[in-house]
């Protein structure tokens, strides 16, 4: 991008479009074939440029996974694991949502027991 406050990218695109039409007309007048200029590669956004690509991305994912596996579980994660063992028929995301709302192992256990008894 230009820092020129009067820069108009549409005007530049129109200029390039007119230039291509002019080249096409010249080629037709001369009896030749017109070959359109190749398209430029797609632009990458700033976010895409900041994120690691290909092998760097794979390495980053591996590092994050190993970090998450090696860190100790939080008390909340331990409590949710206990509840999942106690209520294997309940969906783990439901258990996590109820536990997240109540923040209490006992309150969540009571609610899950109520839900389980309604089946």
PDB file of N, CA and C in Angstrom:
ATOM      1  N   UNK A   1       0.840  -1.180   0.000  1.00  0.00           N
ATOM      2  CA  UNK A   1       0.000   0.000   0.000  1.00  0.00           C
ATOM      3  C   UNK A   1       0.879   1.236   0.000  1.00  0.00           C
ATOM      4  N   UNK A   2       0.366   2.266  -0.529  1.00  0.00           N
ATOM      5  CA  UNK A   2       1.096   3.513  -0.600  1.00  0.00           C
ATOM      6  C   UNK A   2       0.696   4.396   0.565  1.00  0.00           C
ATOM      7  N   UNK A   3       1.638   5.216   1.027  1.00  0.00           N
ATOM      8  CA  UNK A   3       1.307   6.145   2.099  1.00  0.00           C
ATOM      9  C   UNK A   3       0.757   7.444   1.528  1.00  0.00           C
ATOM     10  N   UNK A   4       0.643   7.528   0.223  1.00  0.00           N
ATOM     11  CA  UNK A   4       0.108   8.699  -0.450  1.00  0.00           C
ATOM     12  C   UNK A   4      -1.381   8.830  -0.135  1.00  0.00           C
ATOM     13  N   UNK A   5      -1.813   9.963   0.454  1.00  0.00           N
ATOM     14  CA  UNK A   5      -3.234  10.101   0.797  1.00  0.00           C
ATOM     15  C   UNK A   5      -4.133  10.160  -0.434  1.00  0.00           C
ATOM     16  N   UNK A   6      -3.554  10.410  -1.598  1.00  0.00           N
ATOM     17  CA  UNK A   6      -4.350  10.494  -2.818  1.00  0.00           C
ATOM     18  C   UNK A   6      -4.311   9.198  -3.618  1.00  0.00           C
ATOM     19  N   UNK A   7      -3.717   8.169  -3.047  1.00  0.00           N
ATOM     20  CA  UNK A   7      -3.598   6.882  -3.726  1.00  0.00           C
ATOM     21  C   UNK A   7      -4.977   6.255  -3.856  1.00  0.00           C
ATOM     22  N   UNK A   8      -5.317   5.846  -5.049  1.00  0.00           N
ATOM     23  CA  UNK A   8      -6.609   5.207  -5.304  1.00  0.00           C
ATOM     24  C   UNK A   8      -6.346   3.865  -5.973  1.00  0.00           C
ATOM     25  N   UNK A   9      -6.461   2.755  -5.219  1.00  0.00           N
ATOM     26  CA  UNK A   9      -6.173   1.445  -5.815  1.00  0.00           C
ATOM     27  C   UNK A   9      -7.127   1.100  -6.948  1.00  0.00           C
ATOM     28  N   UNK A  10      -8.347   1.625  -6.909  1.00  0.00           N
ATOM     29  CA  UNK A  10      -9.299   1.348  -7.982  1.00  0.00           C
ATOM     30  C   UNK A  10      -8.842   1.975  -9.291  1.00  0.00           C
ATOM     31  N   UNK A  11      -8.256   3.153  -9.195  1.00  0.00           N
ATOM     32  CA  UNK A  11      -7.763   3.812 -10.401  1.00  0.00           C
ATOM     33  C   UNK A  11      -6.630   2.996 -11.009  1.00  0.00           C
ATOM     34  N   UNK A  12      -5.779   2.438 -10.151  1.00  0.00           N
ATOM     35  CA  UNK A  12      -4.674   1.628 -10.645  1.00  0.00           C
ATOM     36  C   UNK A  12      -5.205   0.355 -11.302  1.00  0.00           C
ATOM     37  N   UNK A  13      -6.212  -0.267 -10.692  1.00  0.00           N
ATOM     38  CA  UNK A  13      -6.802  -1.464 -11.277  1.00  0.00           C
ATOM     39  C   UNK A  13      -7.452  -1.130 -12.615  1.00  0.00           C
ATOM     40  N   UNK A  14      -8.126   0.005 -12.687  1.00  0.00           N
ATOM     41  CA  UNK A  14      -8.763   0.407 -13.937  1.00  0.00           C
ATOM     42  C   UNK A  14      -7.701   0.624 -15.010  1.00  0.00           C
ATOM     43  N   UNK A  15      -6.578   1.226 -14.627  1.00  0.00           N
ATOM     44  CA  UNK A  15      -5.492   1.451 -15.572  1.00  0.00           C
ATOM     45  C   UNK A  15      -4.978   0.119 -16.113  1.00  0.00           C
ATOM     46  N   UNK A  16      -4.757  -0.843 -15.205  1.00  0.00           N
ATOM     47  CA  UNK A  16      -4.275  -2.152 -15.642  1.00  0.00           C
ATOM     48  C   UNK A  16      -5.319  -2.851 -16.506  1.00  0.00           C
ATOM     49  N   UNK A  17      -6.581  -2.689 -16.177  1.00  0.00           N
ATOM     50  CA  UNK A  17      -7.645  -3.287 -16.975  1.00  0.00           C
ATOM     51  C   UNK A  17      -7.670  -2.694 -18.375  1.00  0.00           C
ATOM     52  N   UNK A  18      -7.534  -1.366 -18.478  1.00  0.00           N
ATOM     53  CA  UNK A  18      -7.511  -0.707 -19.782  1.00  0.00           C
ATOM     54  C   UNK A  18      -6.290  -1.133 -20.580  1.00  0.00           C
ATOM     55  N   UNK A  19      -5.182  -1.303 -19.898  1.00  0.00           N
ATOM     56  CA  UNK A  19      -3.948  -1.725 -20.564  1.00  0.00           C
ATOM     57  C   UNK A  19      -4.116  -3.123 -21.159  1.00  0.00           C
ATOM     58  N   UNK A  20      -4.755  -4.021 -20.413  1.00  0.00           N
ATOM     59  CA  UNK A  20      -4.979  -5.384 -20.901  1.00  0.00           C
ATOM     60  C   UNK A  20      -5.907  -5.372 -22.110  1.00  0.00           C
ATOM     61  N   UNK A  21      -6.937  -4.540 -22.065  1.00  0.00           N
ATOM     62  CA  UNK A  21      -7.868  -4.436 -23.204  1.00  0.00           C
ATOM     63  C   UNK A  21      -7.127  -3.907 -24.426  1.00  0.00           C
ATOM     64  N   UNK A  22      -6.275  -2.905 -24.216  1.00  0.00           N
ATOM     65  CA  UNK A  22      -5.499  -2.334 -25.318  1.00  0.00           C
ATOM     66  C   UNK A  22      -4.582  -3.398 -25.930  1.00  0.00           C
ATOM     67  N   UNK A  23      -3.924  -4.196 -25.093  1.00  0.00           N
ATOM     68  CA  UNK A  23      -3.043  -5.254 -25.596  1.00  0.00           C
ATOM     69  C   UNK A  23      -3.838  -6.293 -26.379  1.00  0.00           C
ATOM     70  N   UNK A  24      -5.028  -6.604 -25.893  1.00  0.00           N
ATOM     71  CA  UNK A  24      -5.870  -7.585 -26.570  1.00  0.00           C
ATOM     72  C   UNK A  24      -6.293  -7.060 -27.945  1.00  0.00           C
ATOM     73  N   UNK A  25      -6.670  -5.785 -28.003  1.00  0.00           N
ATOM     74  CA  UNK A  25      -7.077  -5.196 -29.281  1.00  0.00           C
ATOM     75  C   UNK A  25      -5.917  -5.196 -30.271  1.00  0.00           C
ATOM     76  N   UNK A  26      -4.718  -4.868 -29.786  1.00  0.00           N
ATOM     77  CA  UNK A  26      -3.549  -4.863 -30.666  1.00  0.00           C
ATOM     78  C   UNK A  26      -3.283  -6.258 -31.221  1.00  0.00           C
ATOM     79  N   UNK A  27      -3.383  -7.264 -30.365  1.00  0.00           N
ATOM     80  CA  UNK A  27      -3.121  -8.635 -30.799  1.00  0.00           C
ATOM     81  C   UNK A  27      -4.150  -9.069 -31.838  1.00  0.00           C
ATOM     82  N   UNK A  28      -5.407  -8.676 -31.658  1.00  0.00           N
ATOM     83  CA  UNK A  28      -6.447  -9.052 -32.611  1.00  0.00           C
ATOM     84  C   UNK A  28      -6.228  -8.350 -33.947  1.00  0.00           C
ATOM     85  N   UNK A  29      -5.795  -7.096 -33.916  1.00  0.00           N
ATOM     86  CA  UNK A  29      -5.549  -6.359 -35.154  1.00  0.00           C
ATOM     87  C   UNK A  29      -4.393  -6.974 -35.926  1.00  0.00           C
ATOM     88  N   UNK A  30      -3.427  -7.499 -35.212  1.00  0.00           N
ATOM     89  CA  UNK A  30      -2.266  -8.095 -35.858  1.00  0.00           C
ATOM     90  C   UNK A  30      -2.521  -9.558 -36.220  1.00  0.00           C
ATOM     91  N   UNK A  31      -3.712 -10.051 -35.905  1.00  0.00           N
ATOM     92  CA  UNK A  31      -4.065 -11.418 -36.260  1.00  0.00           C
ATOM     93  C   UNK A  31      -3.482 -12.459 -35.321  1.00  0.00           C
ATOM     94  N   UNK A  32      -2.969 -12.037 -34.216  1.00  0.00           N
ATOM     95  CA  UNK A  32      -2.366 -12.980 -33.270  1.00  0.00           C
ATOM     96  C   UNK A  32      -3.297 -13.282 -32.113  1.00  0.00           C
ATOM     97  N   UNK A  33      -2.879 -14.205 -31.335  1.00  0.00           N
ATOM     98  CA  UNK A  33      -3.636 -14.575 -30.139  1.00  0.00           C
ATOM     99  C   UNK A  33      -3.178 -13.702 -28.980  1.00  0.00           C
ATOM    100  N   UNK A  34      -4.116 -13.382 -28.141  1.00  0.00           N
ATOM    101  CA  UNK A  34      -3.793 -12.600 -26.949  1.00  0.00           C
ATOM    102  C   UNK A  34      -3.694 -13.541 -25.763  1.00  0.00           C
ATOM    103  N   UNK A  35      -2.595 -13.484 -25.086  1.00  0.00           N
ATOM    104  CA  UNK A  35      -2.429 -14.282 -23.867  1.00  0.00           C
ATOM    105  C   UNK A  35      -2.518 -13.338 -22.679  1.00  0.00           C
ATOM    106  N   UNK A  36      -3.496 -13.568 -21.847  1.00  0.00           N
ATOM    107  CA  UNK A  36      -3.674 -12.716 -20.672  1.00  0.00           C
ATOM    108  C   UNK A  36      -2.476 -12.872 -19.749  1.00  0.00           C
ATOM    109  N   UNK A  37      -2.081 -11.786 -19.094  1.00  0.00           N
ATOM    110  CA  UNK A  37      -0.957 -11.897 -18.165  1.00  0.00           C
ATOM    111  C   UNK A  37      -1.335 -12.823 -17.011  1.00  0.00           C
ATOM    112  N   UNK A  38      -0.359 -13.527 -16.456  1.00  0.00           N
ATOM    113  CA  UNK A  38      -0.674 -14.452 -15.354  1.00  0.00           C
ATOM    114  C   UNK A  38      -1.171 -13.684 -14.133  1.00  0.00           C
ATOM    115  N   UNK A  39      -2.060 -14.328 -13.402  1.00  0.00           N
ATOM    116  CA  UNK A  39      -2.581 -13.709 -12.186  1.00  0.00           C
ATOM    117  C   UNK A  39      -1.508 -13.727 -11.110  1.00  0.00           C
ATOM    118  N   UNK A  40      -1.434 -12.674 -10.322  1.00  0.00           N
ATOM    119  CA  UNK A  40      -0.460 -12.678  -9.227  1.00  0.00           C
ATOM    120  C   UNK A  40      -0.892 -13.689  -8.165  1.00  0.00           C
ATOM    121  N   UNK A  41       0.044 -14.170  -7.358  1.00  0.00           N
ATOM    122  CA  UNK A  41      -0.334 -15.120  -6.306  1.00  0.00           C
ATOM    123  C   UNK A  41      -1.280 -14.449  -5.314  1.00  0.00           C
ATOM    124  N   UNK A  42      -2.126 -15.226  -4.660  1.00  0.00           N
ATOM    125  CA  UNK A  42      -3.064 -14.622  -3.705  1.00  0.00           C
ATOM    126  C   UNK A  42      -2.311 -13.945  -2.570  1.00  0.00           C
ATOM    127  N   UNK A  43      -2.849 -12.833  -2.135  1.00  0.00           N
ATOM    128  CA  UNK A  43      -2.213 -12.106  -1.038  1.00  0.00           C
ATOM    129  C   UNK A  43      -2.525 -12.790   0.281  1.00  0.00           C
ATOM    130  N   UNK A  44      -1.553 -12.798   1.149  1.00  0.00           N
ATOM    131  CA  UNK A  44      -1.759 -13.338   2.485  1.00  0.00           C
ATOM    132  C   UNK A  44      -2.065 -12.179   3.420  1.00  0.00           C
ATOM    133  N   UNK A  45      -3.021 -12.386   4.277  1.00  0.00           N
ATOM    134  CA  UNK A  45      -3.370 -11.338   5.233  1.00  0.00           C
ATOM    135  C   UNK A  45      -2.283 -11.239   6.290  1.00  0.00           C
ATOM    136  N   UNK A  46      -2.331 -10.180   7.055  1.00  0.00           N
ATOM    137  CA  UNK A  46      -1.357  -9.989   8.122  1.00  0.00           C
ATOM    138  C   UNK A  46      -1.394 -11.118   9.132  1.00  0.00           C
ATOM    139  N   UNK A  47      -2.597 -11.605   9.418  1.00  0.00           N
ATOM    140  CA  UNK A  47      -2.732 -12.707  10.372  1.00  0.00           C
ATOM    141  C   UNK A  47      -2.070 -13.961   9.824  1.00  0.00           C
ATOM    142  N   UNK A  48      -2.304 -14.250   8.554  1.00  0.00           N
ATOM    143  CA  UNK A  48      -1.698 -15.437   7.948  1.00  0.00           C
ATOM    144  C   UNK A  48      -0.181 -15.334   7.937  1.00  0.00           C
ATOM    145  N   UNK A  49       0.323 -14.136   7.713  1.00  0.00           N
ATOM    146  CA  UNK A  49       1.769 -13.958   7.681  1.00  0.00           C
ATOM    147  C   UNK A  49       2.377 -14.130   9.070  1.00  0.00           C
ATOM    148  N   UNK A  50       1.627 -13.797  10.103  1.00  0.00           N
ATOM    149  CA  UNK A  50       2.145 -13.898  11.466  1.00  0.00           C
ATOM    150  C   UNK A  50       2.121 -15.333  11.986  1.00  0.00           C
ATOM    151  N   UNK A  51       1.212 -16.148  11.463  1.00  0.00           N
ATOM    152  CA  UNK A  51       1.098 -17.524  11.935  1.00  0.00           C
ATOM    153  C   UNK A  51       2.149 -18.403  11.275  1.00  0.00           C
ATOM    154  N   UNK A  52       2.644 -19.389  12.007  1.00  0.00           N
ATOM    155  CA  UNK A  52       3.619 -20.299  11.399  1.00  0.00           C
ATOM    156  C   UNK A  52       2.960 -21.138  10.307  1.00  0.00           C
ATOM    157  N   UNK A  53       3.740 -21.510   9.318  1.00  0.00           N
ATOM    158  CA  UNK A  53       3.224 -22.274   8.185  1.00  0.00           C
ATOM    159  C   UNK A  53       3.909 -23.636   8.119  1.00  0.00           C
ATOM    160  N   UNK A  54       3.230 -24.608   7.554  1.00  0.00           N
ATOM    161  CA  UNK A  54       3.739 -25.937   7.234  1.00  0.00           C
ATOM    162  C   UNK A  54       4.478 -26.589   8.406  1.00  0.00           C
ATOM    163  N   UNK A  55       5.792 -26.830   8.244  1.00  0.00           N
ATOM    164  CA  UNK A  55       6.553 -27.550   9.267  1.00  0.00           C
ATOM    165  C   UNK A  55       6.613 -26.771  10.573  1.00  0.00           C
ATOM    166  N   UNK A  56       6.731 -25.456  10.485  1.00  0.00           N
ATOM    167  CA  UNK A  56       6.763 -24.644  11.704  1.00  0.00           C
ATOM    168  C   UNK A  56       5.458 -24.799  12.475  1.00  0.00           C
ATOM    169  N   UNK A  57       4.360 -24.846  11.749  1.00  0.00           N
ATOM    170  CA  UNK A  57       3.050 -24.995  12.384  1.00  0.00           C
ATOM    171  C   UNK A  57       2.938 -26.373  13.043  1.00  0.00           C
ATOM    172  N   UNK A  58       3.377 -27.409  12.350  1.00  0.00           N
ATOM    173  CA  UNK A  58       3.338 -28.762  12.910  1.00  0.00           C
ATOM    174  C   UNK A  58       4.167 -28.836  14.183  1.00  0.00           C
ATOM    175  N   UNK A  59       5.323 -28.232  14.139  1.00  0.00           N
ATOM    176  CA  UNK A  59       6.192 -28.235  15.321  1.00  0.00           C
ATOM    177  C   UNK A  59       5.520 -27.506  16.480  1.00  0.00           C
ATOM    178  N   UNK A  60       4.892 -26.380  16.184  1.00  0.00           N
ATOM    179  CA  UNK A  60       4.229 -25.612  17.237  1.00  0.00           C
ATOM    180  C   UNK A  60       3.096 -26.424  17.867  1.00  0.00           C
ATOM    181  N   UNK A  61       2.330 -27.136  17.050  1.00  0.00           N
ATOM    182  CA  UNK A  61       1.234 -27.964  17.566  1.00  0.00           C
ATOM    183  C   UNK A  61       1.796 -29.056  18.472  1.00  0.00           C
ATOM    184  N   UNK A  62       2.875 -29.688  18.043  1.00  0.00           N
ATOM    185  CA  UNK A  62       3.491 -30.741  18.853  1.00  0.00           C
ATOM    186  C   UNK A  62       3.974 -30.200  20.194  1.00  0.00           C
ATOM    187  N   UNK A  63       4.581 -29.037  20.179  1.00  0.00           N
ATOM    188  CA  UNK A  63       5.077 -28.435  21.423  1.00  0.00           C
ATOM    189  C   UNK A  63       3.916 -28.135  22.366  1.00  0.00           C
ATOM    190  N   UNK A  64       2.835 -27.571  21.826  1.00  0.00           N
ATOM    191  CA  UNK A  64       1.675 -27.247  22.665  1.00  0.00           C
ATOM    192  C   UNK A  64       1.036 -28.513  23.235  1.00  0.00           C
ATOM    193  N   UNK A  65       0.934 -29.558  22.426  1.00  0.00           N
ATOM    194  CA  UNK A  65       0.343 -30.807  22.912  1.00  0.00           C
ATOM    195  C   UNK A  65       1.196 -31.425  24.010  1.00  0.00           C
ATOM    196  N   UNK A  66       2.501 -31.413  23.835  1.00  0.00           N
ATOM    197  CA  UNK A  66       3.363 -32.002  24.862  1.00  0.00           C
ATOM    198  C   UNK A  66       3.310 -31.172  26.143  1.00  0.00           C
ATOM    199  N   UNK A  67       3.194 -29.856  25.995  1.00  0.00           N
ATOM    200  CA  UNK A  67       3.074 -28.993  27.177  1.00  0.00           C
ATOM    201  C   UNK A  67       1.783 -29.307  27.930  1.00  0.00           C
ATOM    202  N   UNK A  68       0.679 -29.400  27.200  1.00  0.00           N
ATOM    203  CA  UNK A  68      -0.605 -29.658  27.847  1.00  0.00           C
ATOM    204  C   UNK A  68      -0.634 -31.026  28.513  1.00  0.00           C
ATOM    205  N   UNK A  69       0.040 -31.996  27.924  1.00  0.00           N
ATOM    206  CA  UNK A  69       0.048 -33.336  28.508  1.00  0.00           C
ATOM    207  C   UNK A  69       0.951 -33.406  29.738  1.00  0.00           C
ATOM    208  N   UNK A  70       1.980 -32.580  29.782  1.00  0.00           N
ATOM    209  CA  UNK A  70       2.937 -32.667  30.881  1.00  0.00           C
ATOM    210  C   UNK A  70       2.541 -31.816  32.090  1.00  0.00           C
ATOM    211  N   UNK A  71       1.677 -30.852  31.889  1.00  0.00           N
ATOM    212  CA  UNK A  71       1.315 -29.998  33.023  1.00  0.00           C
ATOM    213  C   UNK A  71       0.352 -30.743  33.942  1.00  0.00           C
ATOM    214  N   UNK A  72       0.391 -30.441  35.218  1.00  0.00           N
ATOM    215  CA  UNK A  72      -0.538 -31.112  36.138  1.00  0.00           C
ATOM    216  C   UNK A  72      -1.975 -30.641  35.903  1.00  0.00           C
ATOM    217  N   UNK A  73      -2.921 -31.542  36.168  1.00  0.00           N
ATOM    218  CA  UNK A  73      -4.328 -31.192  36.011  1.00  0.00           C
ATOM    219  C   UNK A  73      -4.741 -30.198  37.090  1.00  0.00           C
ATOM    220  N   UNK A  74      -5.624 -29.295  36.709  1.00  0.00           N
ATOM    221  CA  UNK A  74      -6.176 -28.371  37.695  1.00  0.00           C
ATOM    222  C   UNK A  74      -7.206 -29.117  38.537  1.00  0.00           C
ATOM    223  N   UNK A  75      -7.601 -28.511  39.625  1.00  0.00           N
ATOM    224  CA  UNK A  75      -8.615 -29.123  40.488  1.00  0.00           C
ATOM    225  C   UNK A  75      -9.929 -29.301  39.725  1.00  0.00           C
ATOM    226  N   UNK A  76     -10.282 -28.313  38.913  1.00  0.00           N
ATOM    227  CA  UNK A  76     -11.516 -28.418  38.120  1.00  0.00           C
ATOM    228  C   UNK A  76     -11.450 -29.596  37.150  1.00  0.00           C
ATOM    229  N   UNK A  77     -10.309 -29.768  36.500  1.00  0.00           N
ATOM    230  CA  UNK A  77     -10.161 -30.892  35.569  1.00  0.00           C
ATOM    231  C   UNK A  77     -10.240 -32.227  36.304  1.00  0.00           C
ATOM    232  N   UNK A  78      -9.649 -32.287  37.486  1.00  0.00           N
ATOM    233  CA  UNK A  78      -9.718 -33.514  38.282  1.00  0.00           C
ATOM    234  C   UNK A  78     -11.160 -33.810  38.693  1.00  0.00           C
ATOM    235  N   UNK A  79     -11.882 -32.777  39.121  1.00  0.00           N
ATOM    236  CA  UNK A  79     -13.278 -32.962  39.525  1.00  0.00           C
ATOM    237  C   UNK A  79     -14.139 -33.423  38.348  1.00  0.00           C
ATOM    238  N   UNK A  80     -13.912 -32.848  37.185  1.00  0.00           N
ATOM    239  CA  UNK A  80     -14.682 -33.264  36.014  1.00  0.00           C
ATOM    240  C   UNK A  80     -14.368 -34.711  35.640  1.00  0.00           C
ATOM    241  N   UNK A  81     -13.117 -35.116  35.790  1.00  0.00           N
ATOM    242  CA  UNK A  81     -12.750 -36.510  35.509  1.00  0.00           C
ATOM    243  C   UNK A  81     -13.445 -37.450  36.489  1.00  0.00           C
ATOM    244  N   UNK A  82     -13.527 -37.047  37.752  1.00  0.00           N
ATOM    245  CA  UNK A  82     -14.232 -37.853  38.762  1.00  0.00           C
ATOM    246  C   UNK A  82     -15.700 -38.003  38.364  1.00  0.00           C
ATOM    247  N   UNK A  83     -16.324 -36.888  37.985  1.00  0.00           N
ATOM    248  CA  UNK A  83     -17.740 -36.920  37.606  1.00  0.00           C
ATOM    249  C   UNK A  83     -17.964 -37.768  36.353  1.00  0.00           C
ATOM    250  N   UNK A  84     -17.040 -37.716  35.421  1.00  0.00           N
ATOM    251  CA  UNK A  84     -17.183 -38.526  34.208  1.00  0.00           C
ATOM    252  C   UNK A  84     -17.084 -40.014  34.525  1.00  0.00           C
ATOM    253  N   UNK A  85     -16.252 -40.365  35.492  1.00  0.00           N
ATOM    254  CA  UNK A  85     -16.171 -41.777  35.906  1.00  0.00           C
ATOM    255  C   UNK A  85     -17.440 -42.199  36.648  1.00  0.00           C
ATOM    256  N   UNK A  86     -17.988 -41.295  37.457  1.00  0.00           N
ATOM    257  CA  UNK A  86     -19.198 -41.613  38.222  1.00  0.00           C
ATOM    258  C   UNK A  86     -20.448 -41.663  37.342  1.00  0.00           C
ATOM    259  N   UNK A  87     -20.444 -40.894  36.258  1.00  0.00           N
ATOM    260  CA  UNK A  87     -21.610 -40.818  35.370  1.00  0.00           C
ATOM    261  C   UNK A  87     -21.173 -41.089  33.926  1.00  0.00           C
ATOM    262  N   UNK A  88     -20.815 -42.335  33.629  1.00  0.00           N
ATOM    263  CA  UNK A  88     -20.272 -42.642  32.299  1.00  0.00           C
ATOM    264  C   UNK A  88     -21.289 -42.470  31.162  1.00  0.00           C
ATOM    265  N   UNK A  89     -22.581 -42.522  31.477  1.00  0.00           N
ATOM    266  CA  UNK A  89     -23.591 -42.375  30.423  1.00  0.00           C
ATOM    267  C   UNK A  89     -23.863 -40.910  30.080  1.00  0.00           C
ATOM    268  N   UNK A  90     -23.395 -40.006  30.915  1.00  0.00           N
ATOM    269  CA  UNK A  90     -23.603 -38.577  30.673  1.00  0.00           C
ATOM    270  C   UNK A  90     -22.530 -38.058  29.715  1.00  0.00           C
ATOM    271  N   UNK A  91     -22.937 -37.151  28.868  1.00  0.00           N
ATOM    272  CA  UNK A  91     -22.006 -36.532  27.922  1.00  0.00           C
ATOM    273  C   UNK A  91     -20.999 -35.670  28.690  1.00  0.00           C
ATOM    274  N   UNK A  92     -19.735 -35.800  28.332  1.00  0.00           N
ATOM    275  CA  UNK A  92     -18.687 -35.070  29.059  1.00  0.00           C
ATOM    276  C   UNK A  92     -18.838 -33.557  28.921  1.00  0.00           C
ATOM    277  N   UNK A  93     -19.344 -33.091  27.785  1.00  0.00           N
ATOM    278  CA  UNK A  93     -19.527 -31.645  27.632  1.00  0.00           C
ATOM    279  C   UNK A  93     -20.658 -31.140  28.528  1.00  0.00           C
ATOM    280  N   UNK A  94     -21.678 -31.984  28.753  1.00  0.00           N
ATOM    281  CA  UNK A  94     -22.757 -31.620  29.677  1.00  0.00           C
ATOM    282  C   UNK A  94     -22.206 -31.527  31.099  1.00  0.00           C
ATOM    283  N   UNK A  95     -21.397 -32.502  31.470  1.00  0.00           N
ATOM    284  CA  UNK A  95     -20.781 -32.487  32.801  1.00  0.00           C
ATOM    285  C   UNK A  95     -19.929 -31.229  32.967  1.00  0.00           C
ATOM    286  N   UNK A  96     -19.134 -30.927  31.952  1.00  0.00           N
ATOM    287  CA  UNK A  96     -18.270 -29.744  32.021  1.00  0.00           C
ATOM    288  C   UNK A  96     -19.094 -28.464  32.129  1.00  0.00           C
ATOM    289  N   UNK A  97     -20.200 -28.394  31.392  1.00  0.00           N
ATOM    290  CA  UNK A  97     -21.035 -27.194  31.428  1.00  0.00           C
ATOM    291  C   UNK A  97     -21.690 -27.020  32.793  1.00  0.00           C
ATOM    292  N   UNK A  98     -22.227 -28.105  33.329  1.00  0.00           N
ATOM    293  CA  UNK A  98     -22.882 -28.022  34.640  1.00  0.00           C
ATOM    294  C   UNK A  98     -21.854 -27.689  35.716  1.00  0.00           C
ATOM    295  N   UNK A  99     -20.713 -28.350  35.660  1.00  0.00           N
ATOM    296  CA  UNK A  99     -19.665 -28.076  36.648  1.00  0.00           C
ATOM    297  C   UNK A  99     -19.172 -26.633  36.512  1.00  0.00           C
ATOM    298  N   UNK A 100     -19.036 -26.169  35.285  1.00  0.00           N
ATOM    299  CA  UNK A 100     -18.584 -24.788  35.063  1.00  0.00           C
ATOM    300  C   UNK A 100     -19.557 -23.775  35.638  1.00  0.00           C
ATOM    301  N   UNK A 101     -20.855 -24.069  35.534  1.00  0.00           N
ATOM    302  CA  UNK A 101     -21.862 -23.154  36.088  1.00  0.00           C
ATOM    303  C   UNK A 101     -21.876 -23.176  37.609  1.00  0.00           C
ATOM    304  N   UNK A 102     -21.825 -24.377  38.179  1.00  0.00           N
ATOM    305  CA  UNK A 102     -21.952 -24.474  39.637  1.00  0.00           C
ATOM    306  C   UNK A 102     -20.614 -24.258  40.338  1.00  0.00           C
ATOM    307  N   UNK A 103     -19.539 -24.750  39.733  1.00  0.00           N
ATOM    308  CA  UNK A 103     -18.228 -24.629  40.360  1.00  0.00           C
ATOM    309  C   UNK A 103     -18.065 -25.525  41.577  1.00  0.00           C
ATOM    310  N   UNK A 104     -19.026 -26.417  41.794  1.00  0.00           N
ATOM    311  CA  UNK A 104     -19.004 -27.270  42.976  1.00  0.00           C
ATOM    312  C   UNK A 104     -19.151 -28.727  42.561  1.00  0.00           C
ATOM    313  N   UNK A 105     -18.266 -29.557  43.088  1.00  0.00           N
ATOM    314  CA  UNK A 105     -18.322 -30.984  42.792  1.00  0.00           C
ATOM    315  C   UNK A 105     -19.626 -31.582  43.315  1.00  0.00           C
ATOM    316  N   UNK A 106     -19.983 -31.261  44.553  1.00  0.00           N
ATOM    317  CA  UNK A 106     -21.192 -31.835  45.155  1.00  0.00           C
ATOM    318  C   UNK A 106     -22.464 -31.363  44.459  1.00  0.00           C
ATOM    319  N   UNK A 107     -22.535 -30.075  44.143  1.00  0.00           N
ATOM    320  CA  UNK A 107     -23.730 -29.552  43.474  1.00  0.00           C
ATOM    321  C   UNK A 107     -23.886 -30.176  42.089  1.00  0.00           C
ATOM    322  N   UNK A 108     -22.785 -30.341  41.392  1.00  0.00           N
ATOM    323  CA  UNK A 108     -22.834 -30.962  40.063  1.00  0.00           C
ATOM    324  C   UNK A 108     -23.243 -32.421  40.178  1.00  0.00           C
ATOM    325  N   UNK A 109     -22.698 -33.100  41.164  1.00  0.00           N
ATOM    326  CA  UNK A 109     -23.039 -34.510  41.381  1.00  0.00           C
ATOM    327  C   UNK A 109     -24.542 -34.656  41.632  1.00  0.00           C
ATOM    328  N   UNK A 110     -25.104 -33.781  42.468  1.00  0.00           N
ATOM    329  CA  UNK A 110     -26.539 -33.839  42.760  1.00  0.00           C
ATOM    330  C   UNK A 110     -27.370 -33.608  41.500  1.00  0.00           C
ATOM    331  N   UNK A 111     -26.968 -32.624  40.709  1.00  0.00           N
ATOM    332  CA  UNK A 111     -27.718 -32.320  39.491  1.00  0.00           C
ATOM    333  C   UNK A 111     -27.640 -33.486  38.501  1.00  0.00           C
ATOM    334  N   UNK A 112     -26.471 -34.076  38.376  1.00  0.00           N
ATOM    335  CA  UNK A 112     -26.317 -35.214  37.462  1.00  0.00           C
ATOM    336  C   UNK A 112     -27.117 -36.422  37.950  1.00  0.00           C
ATOM    337  N   UNK A 113     -27.200 -36.599  39.261  1.00  0.00           N
ATOM    338  CA  UNK A 113     -28.018 -37.688  39.802  1.00  0.00           C
ATOM    339  C   UNK A 113     -29.488 -37.461  39.465  1.00  0.00           C
ATOM    340  N   UNK A 114     -29.936 -36.215  39.569  1.00  0.00           N
ATOM    341  CA  UNK A 114     -31.322 -35.890  39.215  1.00  0.00           C
ATOM    342  C   UNK A 114     -31.575 -36.154  37.732  1.00  0.00           C
ATOM    343  N   UNK A 115     -30.641 -35.735  36.911  1.00  0.00           N
ATOM    344  CA  UNK A 115     -30.792 -35.964  35.471  1.00  0.00           C
ATOM    345  C   UNK A 115     -30.780 -37.457  35.150  1.00  0.00           C
ATOM    346  N   UNK A 116     -29.941 -38.204  35.851  1.00  0.00           N
ATOM    347  CA  UNK A 116     -29.845 -39.645  35.624  1.00  0.00           C
ATOM    348  C   UNK A 116     -31.082 -40.388  36.083  1.00  0.00           C
ATOM    349  N   UNK A 117     -31.746 -39.891  37.114  1.00  0.00           N
ATOM    350  CA  UNK A 117     -32.935 -40.580  37.629  1.00  0.00           C
ATOM    351  C   UNK A 117     -34.157 -40.329  36.754  1.00  0.00           C
ATOM    352  N   UNK A 118     -34.107 -39.301  35.904  1.00  0.00           N
ATOM    353  CA  UNK A 118     -35.241 -38.991  35.028  1.00  0.00           C
ATOM    354  C   UNK A 118     -35.282 -39.898  33.812  1.00  0.00           C
ATOM    355  N   UNK A 119     -34.223 -40.631  33.545  1.00  0.00           N
ATOM    356  CA  UNK A 119     -34.179 -41.487  32.349  1.00  0.00           C
ATOM    357  C   UNK A 119     -35.079 -42.681  32.480  1.00  0.00           C
TER     358      UNK A 119
END
